[in-house]
């Protein structure tokens, strides 16, 4: 059986398997750790594993490599890319920095390593507000997610400019989606990821990262929830809360690239040690500075 072979190879090669919440259910079940991208990278760095198999998209595996340069990091599917991360280039951000030297570059973790290397500090959807609060007098450029950037600007009132990038699944959410589901499930609480448009976030009962949504639903006395993020989180929500009900805010909430990894791919990655992730040393060192600054502030 493939699962047994994965367990055997994992033990034989001293490997650890990470899976993002947006992965298919069977991938989450085969993983040693399931979570948000940065938390997974930090978890892997704290282990004595020699190999990290990261079931996610490319930038996540890069971050794991930056935090664990001595470990071999494998991405089960070679071309698992994040569309948002592709909406900003090194040359464009470098030019922006040169033209706007007074702007602090606050960068979402959902970016490639070279973008992180140009950044002053990295943030995640769970700690962005806490990190940015440290810089009330700074002019900020938030890259690359315009929606999370505008959400921070609305909440904090800081001087924040935003890059015109976005997550293509969260971007499609509308106020009408919220109204329609509230009418259908009037007793349910609405929990939405901050990558959604600001007008949609303003309709939510709770705004938070994927893990924060999971934690909120688990601790809440409410029994029914409308979930405004990728459908992959529903698996974890049901595992932690078998007696509660969960409804997706929209049927379109499924990242294609996050769903490209299957159990066979995990086996192949371990068996062949293929699709190894590397990050140029100079890029990794600069990116690590911005990541370390985030970890000091969070």
C-alpha atoms as a PDB file:
ATOM      1  CA  UNK A   1       0.000   0.000   0.000  1.00  0.00           C
ATOM      2  CA  UNK A   2       1.305   3.429  -0.975  1.00  0.00           C
ATOM      3  CA  UNK A   3       0.712   4.973   2.453  1.00  0.00           C
ATOM      4  CA  UNK A   4       2.730   2.198   4.109  1.00  0.00           C
ATOM      5  CA  UNK A   5       5.554   2.733   1.620  1.00  0.00           C
ATOM      6  CA  UNK A   6       5.565   6.453   2.375  1.00  0.00           C
ATOM      7  CA  UNK A   7       5.805   5.700   6.106  1.00  0.00           C
ATOM      8  CA  UNK A   8       8.668   3.269   5.460  1.00  0.00           C
ATOM      9  CA  UNK A   9      10.586   5.734   3.268  1.00  0.00           C
ATOM     10  CA  UNK A  10       9.985   8.556   5.714  1.00  0.00           C
ATOM     11  CA  UNK A  11      11.527   6.551   8.541  1.00  0.00           C
ATOM     12  CA  UNK A  12      14.355   5.221   6.367  1.00  0.00           C
ATOM     13  CA  UNK A  13      15.324   8.678   5.107  1.00  0.00           C
ATOM     14  CA  UNK A  14      14.559  10.633   8.282  1.00  0.00           C
ATOM     15  CA  UNK A  15      12.021  12.796   6.460  1.00  0.00           C
ATOM     16  CA  UNK A  16       9.129  14.950   7.591  1.00  0.00           C
ATOM     17  CA  UNK A  17       6.021  15.650   5.497  1.00  0.00           C
ATOM     18  CA  UNK A  18       4.326  19.048   5.677  1.00  0.00           C
ATOM     19  CA  UNK A  19       0.904  19.852   4.232  1.00  0.00           C
ATOM     20  CA  UNK A  20      -0.813  23.207   3.934  1.00  0.00           C
ATOM     21  CA  UNK A  21      -4.470  23.452   4.975  1.00  0.00           C
ATOM     22  CA  UNK A  22      -5.427  23.966   1.320  1.00  0.00           C
ATOM     23  CA  UNK A  23      -4.109  20.565   0.223  1.00  0.00           C
ATOM     24  CA  UNK A  24      -6.384  17.644  -0.652  1.00  0.00           C
ATOM     25  CA  UNK A  25      -7.715  15.734   2.367  1.00  0.00           C
ATOM     26  CA  UNK A  26      -5.630  12.618   1.686  1.00  0.00           C
ATOM     27  CA  UNK A  27      -2.450  14.733   1.637  1.00  0.00           C
ATOM     28  CA  UNK A  28      -3.360  16.344   4.954  1.00  0.00           C
ATOM     29  CA  UNK A  29      -3.922  12.885   6.413  1.00  0.00           C
ATOM     30  CA  UNK A  30      -0.531  11.548   5.282  1.00  0.00           C
ATOM     31  CA  UNK A  31       1.374  14.573   6.610  1.00  0.00           C
ATOM     32  CA  UNK A  32       3.228  14.825   9.912  1.00  0.00           C
ATOM     33  CA  UNK A  33       2.197  18.454  10.279  1.00  0.00           C
ATOM     34  CA  UNK A  34      -0.710  20.407   8.755  1.00  0.00           C
ATOM     35  CA  UNK A  35      -0.898  24.176   8.990  1.00  0.00           C
ATOM     36  CA  UNK A  36      -0.226  27.584   7.455  1.00  0.00           C
ATOM     37  CA  UNK A  37       2.915  27.935   5.355  1.00  0.00           C
ATOM     38  CA  UNK A  38       5.302  29.768   7.703  1.00  0.00           C
ATOM     39  CA  UNK A  39       4.248  27.792  10.767  1.00  0.00           C
ATOM     40  CA  UNK A  40       5.024  24.597   8.860  1.00  0.00           C
ATOM     41  CA  UNK A  41       8.483  25.845   7.860  1.00  0.00           C
ATOM     42  CA  UNK A  42       9.262  26.782  11.445  1.00  0.00           C
ATOM     43  CA  UNK A  43       7.975  23.424  12.659  1.00  0.00           C
ATOM     44  CA  UNK A  44      10.195  21.575  10.181  1.00  0.00           C
ATOM     45  CA  UNK A  45      13.213  23.678  11.184  1.00  0.00           C
ATOM     46  CA  UNK A  46      12.750  22.580  14.786  1.00  0.00           C
ATOM     47  CA  UNK A  47      12.917  18.873  13.901  1.00  0.00           C
ATOM     48  CA  UNK A  48      16.012  16.755  13.323  1.00  0.00           C
ATOM     49  CA  UNK A  49      14.728  15.628   9.910  1.00  0.00           C
ATOM     50  CA  UNK A  50      17.183  15.465   7.025  1.00  0.00           C
ATOM     51  CA  UNK A  51      14.495  15.811   4.355  1.00  0.00           C
ATOM     52  CA  UNK A  52      11.430  18.069   4.210  1.00  0.00           C
ATOM     53  CA  UNK A  53       8.654  17.112   1.789  1.00  0.00           C
ATOM     54  CA  UNK A  54       6.539  20.251   1.476  1.00  0.00           C
ATOM     55  CA  UNK A  55       3.040  19.679   0.111  1.00  0.00           C
ATOM     56  CA  UNK A  56       2.204  23.212  -0.916  1.00  0.00           C
ATOM     57  CA  UNK A  57       3.327  25.681  -3.560  1.00  0.00           C
ATOM     58  CA  UNK A  58       6.822  26.780  -4.566  1.00  0.00           C
ATOM     59  CA  UNK A  59       7.251  29.828  -2.340  1.00  0.00           C
ATOM     60  CA  UNK A  60       6.400  27.736   0.728  1.00  0.00           C
ATOM     61  CA  UNK A  61       9.140  25.218  -0.044  1.00  0.00           C
ATOM     62  CA  UNK A  62      11.563  28.113  -0.637  1.00  0.00           C
ATOM     63  CA  UNK A  63      10.768  29.536   2.790  1.00  0.00           C
ATOM     64  CA  UNK A  64      11.374  26.126   4.355  1.00  0.00           C
ATOM     65  CA  UNK A  65      14.754  25.999   2.619  1.00  0.00           C
ATOM     66  CA  UNK A  66      15.681  29.488   3.846  1.00  0.00           C
ATOM     67  CA  UNK A  67      14.853  28.522   7.442  1.00  0.00           C
ATOM     68  CA  UNK A  68      16.489  25.079   7.133  1.00  0.00           C
ATOM     69  CA  UNK A  69      19.417  25.538   4.723  1.00  0.00           C
ATOM     70  CA  UNK A  70      21.068  22.303   5.898  1.00  0.00           C
ATOM     71  CA  UNK A  71      18.017  20.175   5.068  1.00  0.00           C
ATOM     72  CA  UNK A  72      16.975  18.834   1.665  1.00  0.00           C
ATOM     73  CA  UNK A  73      13.595  20.343   0.723  1.00  0.00           C
ATOM     74  CA  UNK A  74      11.438  18.572  -1.852  1.00  0.00           C
ATOM     75  CA  UNK A  75       8.301  19.838  -3.604  1.00  0.00           C
ATOM     76  CA  UNK A  76       6.214  16.829  -4.728  1.00  0.00           C
ATOM     77  CA  UNK A  77       4.876  18.620  -7.809  1.00  0.00           C
ATOM     78  CA  UNK A  78       7.541  20.565  -9.678  1.00  0.00           C
ATOM     79  CA  UNK A  79       5.384  23.381 -11.037  1.00  0.00           C
ATOM     80  CA  UNK A  80       3.123  24.074  -8.063  1.00  0.00           C
ATOM     81  CA  UNK A  81       3.121  27.859  -8.274  1.00  0.00           C
ATOM     82  CA  UNK A  82       1.151  30.573  -6.482  1.00  0.00           C
ATOM     83  CA  UNK A  83      -0.563  32.988  -8.852  1.00  0.00           C
ATOM     84  CA  UNK A  84      -0.361  35.827  -6.344  1.00  0.00           C
ATOM     85  CA  UNK A  85       3.375  35.319  -5.936  1.00  0.00           C
ATOM     86  CA  UNK A  86       3.720  35.606  -9.717  1.00  0.00           C
ATOM     87  CA  UNK A  87       2.081  39.069  -9.674  1.00  0.00           C
ATOM     88  CA  UNK A  88       5.273  40.800  -8.562  1.00  0.00           C
ATOM     89  CA  UNK A  89       8.736  40.587 -10.081  1.00  0.00           C
ATOM     90  CA  UNK A  90      12.174  41.263  -8.641  1.00  0.00           C
ATOM     91  CA  UNK A  91      12.933  43.942 -11.231  1.00  0.00           C
ATOM     92  CA  UNK A  92       9.638  45.767 -10.676  1.00  0.00           C
ATOM     93  CA  UNK A  93      10.019  45.849  -6.896  1.00  0.00           C
ATOM     94  CA  UNK A  94      13.672  46.878  -7.172  1.00  0.00           C
ATOM     95  CA  UNK A  95      12.675  49.772  -9.433  1.00  0.00           C
ATOM     96  CA  UNK A  96       9.897  50.770  -7.025  1.00  0.00           C
ATOM     97  CA  UNK A  97      12.353  50.825  -4.097  1.00  0.00           C
ATOM     98  CA  UNK A  98      14.755  53.020  -6.060  1.00  0.00           C
ATOM     99  CA  UNK A  99      11.950  55.437  -6.955  1.00  0.00           C
ATOM    100  CA  UNK A 100      10.453  55.431  -3.443  1.00  0.00           C
ATOM    101  CA  UNK A 101      13.327  55.236  -0.941  1.00  0.00           C
ATOM    102  CA  UNK A 102      11.094  56.583   1.821  1.00  0.00           C
ATOM    103  CA  UNK A 103       8.721  53.585   1.634  1.00  0.00           C
ATOM    104  CA  UNK A 104       9.243  50.611   3.912  1.00  0.00           C
ATOM    105  CA  UNK A 105       8.669  47.336   2.058  1.00  0.00           C
ATOM    106  CA  UNK A 106       6.352  45.079   4.057  1.00  0.00           C
ATOM    107  CA  UNK A 107       6.040  41.780   2.241  1.00  0.00           C
ATOM    108  CA  UNK A 108       3.478  39.031   2.556  1.00  0.00           C
ATOM    109  CA  UNK A 109       4.980  35.577   3.054  1.00  0.00           C
ATOM    110  CA  UNK A 110       3.188  34.511  -0.144  1.00  0.00           C
ATOM    111  CA  UNK A 111       6.107  35.655  -2.307  1.00  0.00           C
ATOM    112  CA  UNK A 112       9.195  34.167  -3.902  1.00  0.00           C
ATOM    113  CA  UNK A 113      12.571  34.307  -2.136  1.00  0.00           C
ATOM    114  CA  UNK A 114      13.956  37.071  -4.363  1.00  0.00           C
ATOM    115  CA  UNK A 115      11.060  39.363  -3.401  1.00  0.00           C
ATOM    116  CA  UNK A 116      11.664  38.613   0.279  1.00  0.00           C
ATOM    117  CA  UNK A 117      15.315  39.565  -0.235  1.00  0.00           C
ATOM    118  CA  UNK A 118      14.261  43.114  -1.192  1.00  0.00           C
ATOM    119  CA  UNK A 119      11.982  43.464   1.821  1.00  0.00           C
ATOM    120  CA  UNK A 120      12.312  45.196   5.164  1.00  0.00           C
ATOM    121  CA  UNK A 121      10.062  42.745   6.995  1.00  0.00           C
ATOM    122  CA  UNK A 122       7.896  39.734   6.158  1.00  0.00           C
ATOM    123  CA  UNK A 123       4.361  39.236   7.494  1.00  0.00           C
ATOM    124  CA  UNK A 124       1.738  36.507   7.447  1.00  0.00           C
ATOM    125  CA  UNK A 125      -2.031  36.778   7.402  1.00  0.00           C
ATOM    126  CA  UNK A 126      -2.031  35.948  11.123  1.00  0.00           C
ATOM    127  CA  UNK A 127       0.588  38.469  12.290  1.00  0.00           C
ATOM    128  CA  UNK A 128       0.440  41.267   9.674  1.00  0.00           C
ATOM    129  CA  UNK A 129      -1.512  43.665  11.899  1.00  0.00           C
ATOM    130  CA  UNK A 130       0.748  43.032  14.896  1.00  0.00           C
ATOM    131  CA  UNK A 131       3.903  43.549  12.838  1.00  0.00           C
ATOM    132  CA  UNK A 132       2.738  46.677  11.011  1.00  0.00           C
ATOM    133  CA  UNK A 133       1.607  48.288  14.285  1.00  0.00           C
ATOM    134  CA  UNK A 134       5.308  48.630  15.116  1.00  0.00           C
ATOM    135  CA  UNK A 135       5.714  51.226  12.345  1.00  0.00           C
ATOM    136  CA  UNK A 136       3.029  53.936  12.812  1.00  0.00           C
ATOM    137  CA  UNK A 137       5.238  56.712  11.472  1.00  0.00           C
ATOM    138  CA  UNK A 138       6.549  54.838   8.446  1.00  0.00           C
ATOM    139  CA  UNK A 139       5.345  55.124   4.878  1.00  0.00           C
ATOM    140  CA  UNK A 140       4.670  51.547   3.811  1.00  0.00           C
ATOM    141  CA  UNK A 141       4.379  49.656   0.549  1.00  0.00           C
ATOM    142  CA  UNK A 142       2.546  46.393   1.181  1.00  0.00           C
ATOM    143  CA  UNK A 143       3.295  43.688  -1.380  1.00  0.00           C
ATOM    144  CA  UNK A 144       1.857  41.862  -3.196  1.00  0.00           C
ATOM    145  CA  UNK A 145      -1.703  41.397  -1.844  1.00  0.00           C
ATOM    146  CA  UNK A 146      -3.759  44.560  -2.287  1.00  0.00           C
ATOM    147  CA  UNK A 147      -6.651  43.131  -0.257  1.00  0.00           C
ATOM    148  CA  UNK A 148      -4.713  42.350   2.900  1.00  0.00           C
ATOM    149  CA  UNK A 149      -2.866  45.645   2.505  1.00  0.00           C
ATOM    150  CA  UNK A 150      -6.090  47.639   2.224  1.00  0.00           C
ATOM    151  CA  UNK A 151      -7.514  45.758   5.203  1.00  0.00           C
ATOM    152  CA  UNK A 152      -4.512  46.836   7.300  1.00  0.00           C
ATOM    153  CA  UNK A 153      -4.798  50.409   6.044  1.00  0.00           C
ATOM    154  CA  UNK A 154      -8.491  50.470   6.973  1.00  0.00           C
ATOM    155  CA  UNK A 155      -7.910  49.053  10.459  1.00  0.00           C
ATOM    156  CA  UNK A 156      -4.784  51.020  11.383  1.00  0.00           C
ATOM    157  CA  UNK A 157      -5.143  54.247   9.417  1.00  0.00           C
ATOM    158  CA  UNK A 158      -1.448  54.159   8.461  1.00  0.00           C
ATOM    159  CA  UNK A 159       0.122  55.499   5.271  1.00  0.00           C
ATOM    160  CA  UNK A 160       0.038  52.229   3.323  1.00  0.00           C
ATOM    161  CA  UNK A 161       0.337  51.908  -0.431  1.00  0.00           C
ATOM    162  CA  UNK A 162      -0.513  48.519  -1.949  1.00  0.00           C
ATOM    163  CA  UNK A 163       0.797  46.430  -4.816  1.00  0.00           C
ATOM    164  CA  UNK A 164      -1.977  45.415  -7.264  1.00  0.00           C
ATOM    165  CA  UNK A 165      -1.686  41.672  -6.621  1.00  0.00           C
ATOM    166  CA  UNK A 166      -4.333  39.335  -5.239  1.00  0.00           C
ATOM    167  CA  UNK A 167      -5.310  35.722  -4.566  1.00  0.00           C
ATOM    168  CA  UNK A 168      -7.502  34.767  -7.482  1.00  0.00           C
ATOM    169  CA  UNK A 169      -9.910  32.644  -5.417  1.00  0.00           C
ATOM    170  CA  UNK A 170     -10.475  35.127  -2.564  1.00  0.00           C
ATOM    171  CA  UNK A 171     -10.688  38.024  -5.024  1.00  0.00           C
ATOM    172  CA  UNK A 172     -13.884  36.545  -6.479  1.00  0.00           C
ATOM    173  CA  UNK A 173     -15.821  36.792  -3.209  1.00  0.00           C
ATOM    174  CA  UNK A 174     -18.615  39.381  -3.127  1.00  0.00           C
ATOM    175  CA  UNK A 175     -21.007  40.971  -0.646  1.00  0.00           C
ATOM    176  CA  UNK A 176     -23.792  39.111  -2.438  1.00  0.00           C
ATOM    177  CA  UNK A 177     -22.097  35.811  -1.538  1.00  0.00           C
ATOM    178  CA  UNK A 178     -22.252  36.792   2.118  1.00  0.00           C
ATOM    179  CA  UNK A 179     -25.885  37.948   1.941  1.00  0.00           C
ATOM    180  CA  UNK A 180     -26.947  34.797   0.101  1.00  0.00           C
ATOM    181  CA  UNK A 181     -25.315  32.445   2.610  1.00  0.00           C
ATOM    182  CA  UNK A 182     -26.509  34.456   5.631  1.00  0.00           C
ATOM    183  CA  UNK A 183     -30.071  34.145   4.314  1.00  0.00           C
ATOM    184  CA  UNK A 184     -29.616  30.412   3.770  1.00  0.00           C
ATOM    185  CA  UNK A 185     -27.944  29.800   7.156  1.00  0.00           C
ATOM    186  CA  UNK A 186     -29.180  32.649   9.387  1.00  0.00           C
ATOM    187  CA  UNK A 187     -27.628  31.265  12.568  1.00  0.00           C
ATOM    188  CA  UNK A 188     -24.128  30.768  11.134  1.00  0.00           C
ATOM    189  CA  UNK A 189     -21.105  32.956  11.856  1.00  0.00           C
ATOM    190  CA  UNK A 190     -19.156  34.220   8.825  1.00  0.00           C
ATOM    191  CA  UNK A 191     -15.375  33.676   9.011  1.00  0.00           C
ATOM    192  CA  UNK A 192     -13.295  35.126   6.144  1.00  0.00           C
ATOM    193  CA  UNK A 193      -9.620  35.184   5.209  1.00  0.00           C
ATOM    194  CA  UNK A 194      -8.113  38.719   4.852  1.00  0.00           C
ATOM    195  CA  UNK A 195      -7.091  38.027   1.229  1.00  0.00           C
ATOM    196  CA  UNK A 196     -10.735  38.786   0.358  1.00  0.00           C
ATOM    197  CA  UNK A 197     -11.799  42.287  -0.821  1.00  0.00           C
ATOM    198  CA  UNK A 198     -12.284  44.871   1.938  1.00  0.00           C
ATOM    199  CA  UNK A 199     -16.021  45.301   1.321  1.00  0.00           C
ATOM    200  CA  UNK A 200     -16.471  41.554   1.856  1.00  0.00           C
ATOM    201  CA  UNK A 201     -14.312  41.523   4.998  1.00  0.00           C
ATOM    202  CA  UNK A 202     -16.464  44.277   6.435  1.00  0.00           C
ATOM    203  CA  UNK A 203     -19.414  41.846   6.335  1.00  0.00           C
ATOM    204  CA  UNK A 204     -17.607  39.120   8.322  1.00  0.00           C
ATOM    205  CA  UNK A 205     -18.092  38.151  11.963  1.00  0.00           C
ATOM    206  CA  UNK A 206     -14.398  37.240  12.111  1.00  0.00           C
ATOM    207  CA  UNK A 207     -11.411  37.937   9.850  1.00  0.00           C
ATOM    208  CA  UNK A 208      -8.320  35.801  10.214  1.00  0.00           C
ATOM    209  CA  UNK A 209      -5.739  33.464   8.740  1.00  0.00           C
ATOM    210  CA  UNK A 210      -6.594  29.873   7.940  1.00  0.00           C
ATOM    211  CA  UNK A 211      -5.285  28.682  11.316  1.00  0.00           C
ATOM    212  CA  UNK A 212      -7.070  31.526  13.105  1.00  0.00           C
ATOM    213  CA  UNK A 213     -10.322  30.528  11.397  1.00  0.00           C
ATOM    214  CA  UNK A 214      -9.787  26.945  12.569  1.00  0.00           C
ATOM    215  CA  UNK A 215      -9.035  28.069  16.120  1.00  0.00           C
ATOM    216  CA  UNK A 216     -11.984  30.489  16.225  1.00  0.00           C
ATOM    217  CA  UNK A 217     -14.466  27.841  15.051  1.00  0.00           C
ATOM    218  CA  UNK A 218     -13.053  25.258  17.462  1.00  0.00           C
ATOM    219  CA  UNK A 219     -13.278  27.543  20.508  1.00  0.00           C
ATOM    220  CA  UNK A 220     -16.618  29.123  19.578  1.00  0.00           C
ATOM    221  CA  UNK A 221     -19.876  28.085  21.207  1.00  0.00           C
ATOM    222  CA  UNK A 222     -21.566  28.539  17.822  1.00  0.00           C
ATOM    223  CA  UNK A 223     -22.485  25.363  15.970  1.00  0.00           C
ATOM    224  CA  UNK A 224     -22.603  26.590  12.384  1.00  0.00           C
ATOM    225  CA  UNK A 225     -20.144  28.592  10.277  1.00  0.00           C
ATOM    226  CA  UNK A 226     -19.808  30.065   6.792  1.00  0.00           C
ATOM    227  CA  UNK A 227     -16.172  29.806   5.680  1.00  0.00           C
ATOM    228  CA  UNK A 228     -14.624  32.337   3.297  1.00  0.00           C
ATOM    229  CA  UNK A 229     -11.380  30.668   2.294  1.00  0.00           C
ATOM    230  CA  UNK A 230     -10.115  27.667   0.315  1.00  0.00           C
ATOM    231  CA  UNK A 231     -12.249  24.533   0.677  1.00  0.00           C
ATOM    232  CA  UNK A 232      -9.200  22.588   1.896  1.00  0.00           C
ATOM    233  CA  UNK A 233      -9.696  23.984   5.404  1.00  0.00           C
ATOM    234  CA  UNK A 234     -13.083  22.261   5.686  1.00  0.00           C
ATOM    235  CA  UNK A 235     -11.325  18.909   6.202  1.00  0.00           C
ATOM    236  CA  UNK A 236      -9.418  20.203   9.241  1.00  0.00           C
ATOM    237  CA  UNK A 237     -12.473  22.033  10.561  1.00  0.00           C
ATOM    238  CA  UNK A 238     -14.564  18.848  10.480  1.00  0.00           C
ATOM    239  CA  UNK A 239     -11.790  16.757  12.041  1.00  0.00           C
ATOM    240  CA  UNK A 240     -11.509  19.162  14.961  1.00  0.00           C
ATOM    241  CA  UNK A 241     -15.252  19.825  15.194  1.00  0.00           C
ATOM    242  CA  UNK A 242     -17.212  16.734  14.098  1.00  0.00           C
ATOM    243  CA  UNK A 243     -20.438  18.005  15.634  1.00  0.00           C
ATOM    244  CA  UNK A 244     -20.378  21.439  14.003  1.00  0.00           C
ATOM    245  CA  UNK A 245     -21.562  22.458  10.515  1.00  0.00           C
ATOM    246  CA  UNK A 246     -19.453  24.294   7.935  1.00  0.00           C
ATOM    247  CA  UNK A 247     -20.521  25.892   4.648  1.00  0.00           C
ATOM    248  CA  UNK A 248     -18.233  27.352   1.976  1.00  0.00           C
ATOM    249  CA  UNK A 249     -18.993  30.975   1.166  1.00  0.00           C
ATOM    250  CA  UNK A 250     -18.560  30.243  -2.546  1.00  0.00           C
ATOM    251  CA  UNK A 251     -18.246  27.091  -4.653  1.00  0.00           C
ATOM    252  CA  UNK A 252     -15.252  28.684  -6.422  1.00  0.00           C
ATOM    253  CA  UNK A 253     -13.003  28.624  -3.348  1.00  0.00           C
ATOM    254  CA  UNK A 254     -10.462  26.055  -4.485  1.00  0.00           C
ATOM    255  CA  UNK A 255      -6.880  26.839  -5.526  1.00  0.00           C
ATOM    256  CA  UNK A 256      -6.018  24.660  -8.512  1.00  0.00           C
ATOM    257  CA  UNK A 257      -2.285  24.655  -7.851  1.00  0.00           C
ATOM    258  CA  UNK A 258      -2.770  23.699  -4.201  1.00  0.00           C
ATOM    259  CA  UNK A 259      -4.761  20.641  -5.297  1.00  0.00           C
ATOM    260  CA  UNK A 260      -2.199  19.298  -7.792  1.00  0.00           C
ATOM    261  CA  UNK A 261      -0.347  17.112  -5.293  1.00  0.00           C
ATOM    262  CA  UNK A 262      -1.492  13.519  -4.790  1.00  0.00           C
ATOM    263  CA  UNK A 263      -0.269  10.634  -2.618  1.00  0.00           C
ATOM    264  CA  UNK A 264       1.662   9.173  -5.573  1.00  0.00           C
ATOM    265  CA  UNK A 265       3.565  12.478  -5.875  1.00  0.00           C
ATOM    266  CA  UNK A 266       4.538  12.349  -2.199  1.00  0.00           C
ATOM    267  CA  UNK A 267       5.790   8.789  -2.650  1.00  0.00           C
ATOM    268  CA  UNK A 268       7.765   9.716  -5.783  1.00  0.00           C
ATOM    269  CA  UNK A 269       9.325  12.713  -4.048  1.00  0.00           C
ATOM    270  CA  UNK A 270      10.550  10.526  -1.200  1.00  0.00           C
ATOM    271  CA  UNK A 271      11.583   7.551  -3.309  1.00  0.00           C
ATOM    272  CA  UNK A 272      13.464   9.558  -5.950  1.00  0.00           C
ATOM    273  CA  UNK A 273      14.289  12.616  -3.840  1.00  0.00           C
ATOM    274  CA  UNK A 274      13.175  14.689  -6.796  1.00  0.00           C
ATOM    275  CA  UNK A 275      12.209  18.346  -7.320  1.00  0.00           C
ATOM    276  CA  UNK A 276      14.684  19.624  -4.762  1.00  0.00           C
ATOM    277  CA  UNK A 277      14.333  23.310  -3.896  1.00  0.00           C
ATOM    278  CA  UNK A 278      17.408  25.516  -3.872  1.00  0.00           C
ATOM    279  CA  UNK A 279      17.759  29.221  -3.087  1.00  0.00           C
ATOM    280  CA  UNK A 280      20.875  31.218  -4.081  1.00  0.00           C
ATOM    281  CA  UNK A 281      22.914  31.964  -0.971  1.00  0.00           C
ATOM    282  CA  UNK A 282      22.887  35.753  -1.374  1.00  0.00           C
ATOM    283  CA  UNK A 283      19.109  35.774  -1.854  1.00  0.00           C
ATOM    284  CA  UNK A 284      18.574  33.416   1.077  1.00  0.00           C
ATOM    285  CA  UNK A 285      20.700  35.523   3.437  1.00  0.00           C
ATOM    286  CA  UNK A 286      18.849  38.753   2.615  1.00  0.00           C
ATOM    287  CA  UNK A 287      15.453  37.059   2.805  1.00  0.00           C
ATOM    288  CA  UNK A 288      16.393  35.529   6.149  1.00  0.00           C
ATOM    289  CA  UNK A 289      17.050  39.008   7.573  1.00  0.00           C
ATOM    290  CA  UNK A 290      13.480  40.080   6.747  1.00  0.00           C
ATOM    291  CA  UNK A 291      12.065  36.799   8.097  1.00  0.00           C
ATOM    292  CA  UNK A 292      14.056  37.063  11.306  1.00  0.00           C
ATOM    293  CA  UNK A 293      12.834  40.620  11.828  1.00  0.00           C
ATOM    294  CA  UNK A 294       9.261  39.365  11.557  1.00  0.00           C
ATOM    295  CA  UNK A 295       9.899  36.596  14.091  1.00  0.00           C
ATOM    296  CA  UNK A 296      11.395  39.083  16.562  1.00  0.00           C
ATOM    297  CA  UNK A 297       8.324  41.302  16.271  1.00  0.00           C
ATOM    298  CA  UNK A 298       5.650  38.609  16.316  1.00  0.00           C
END
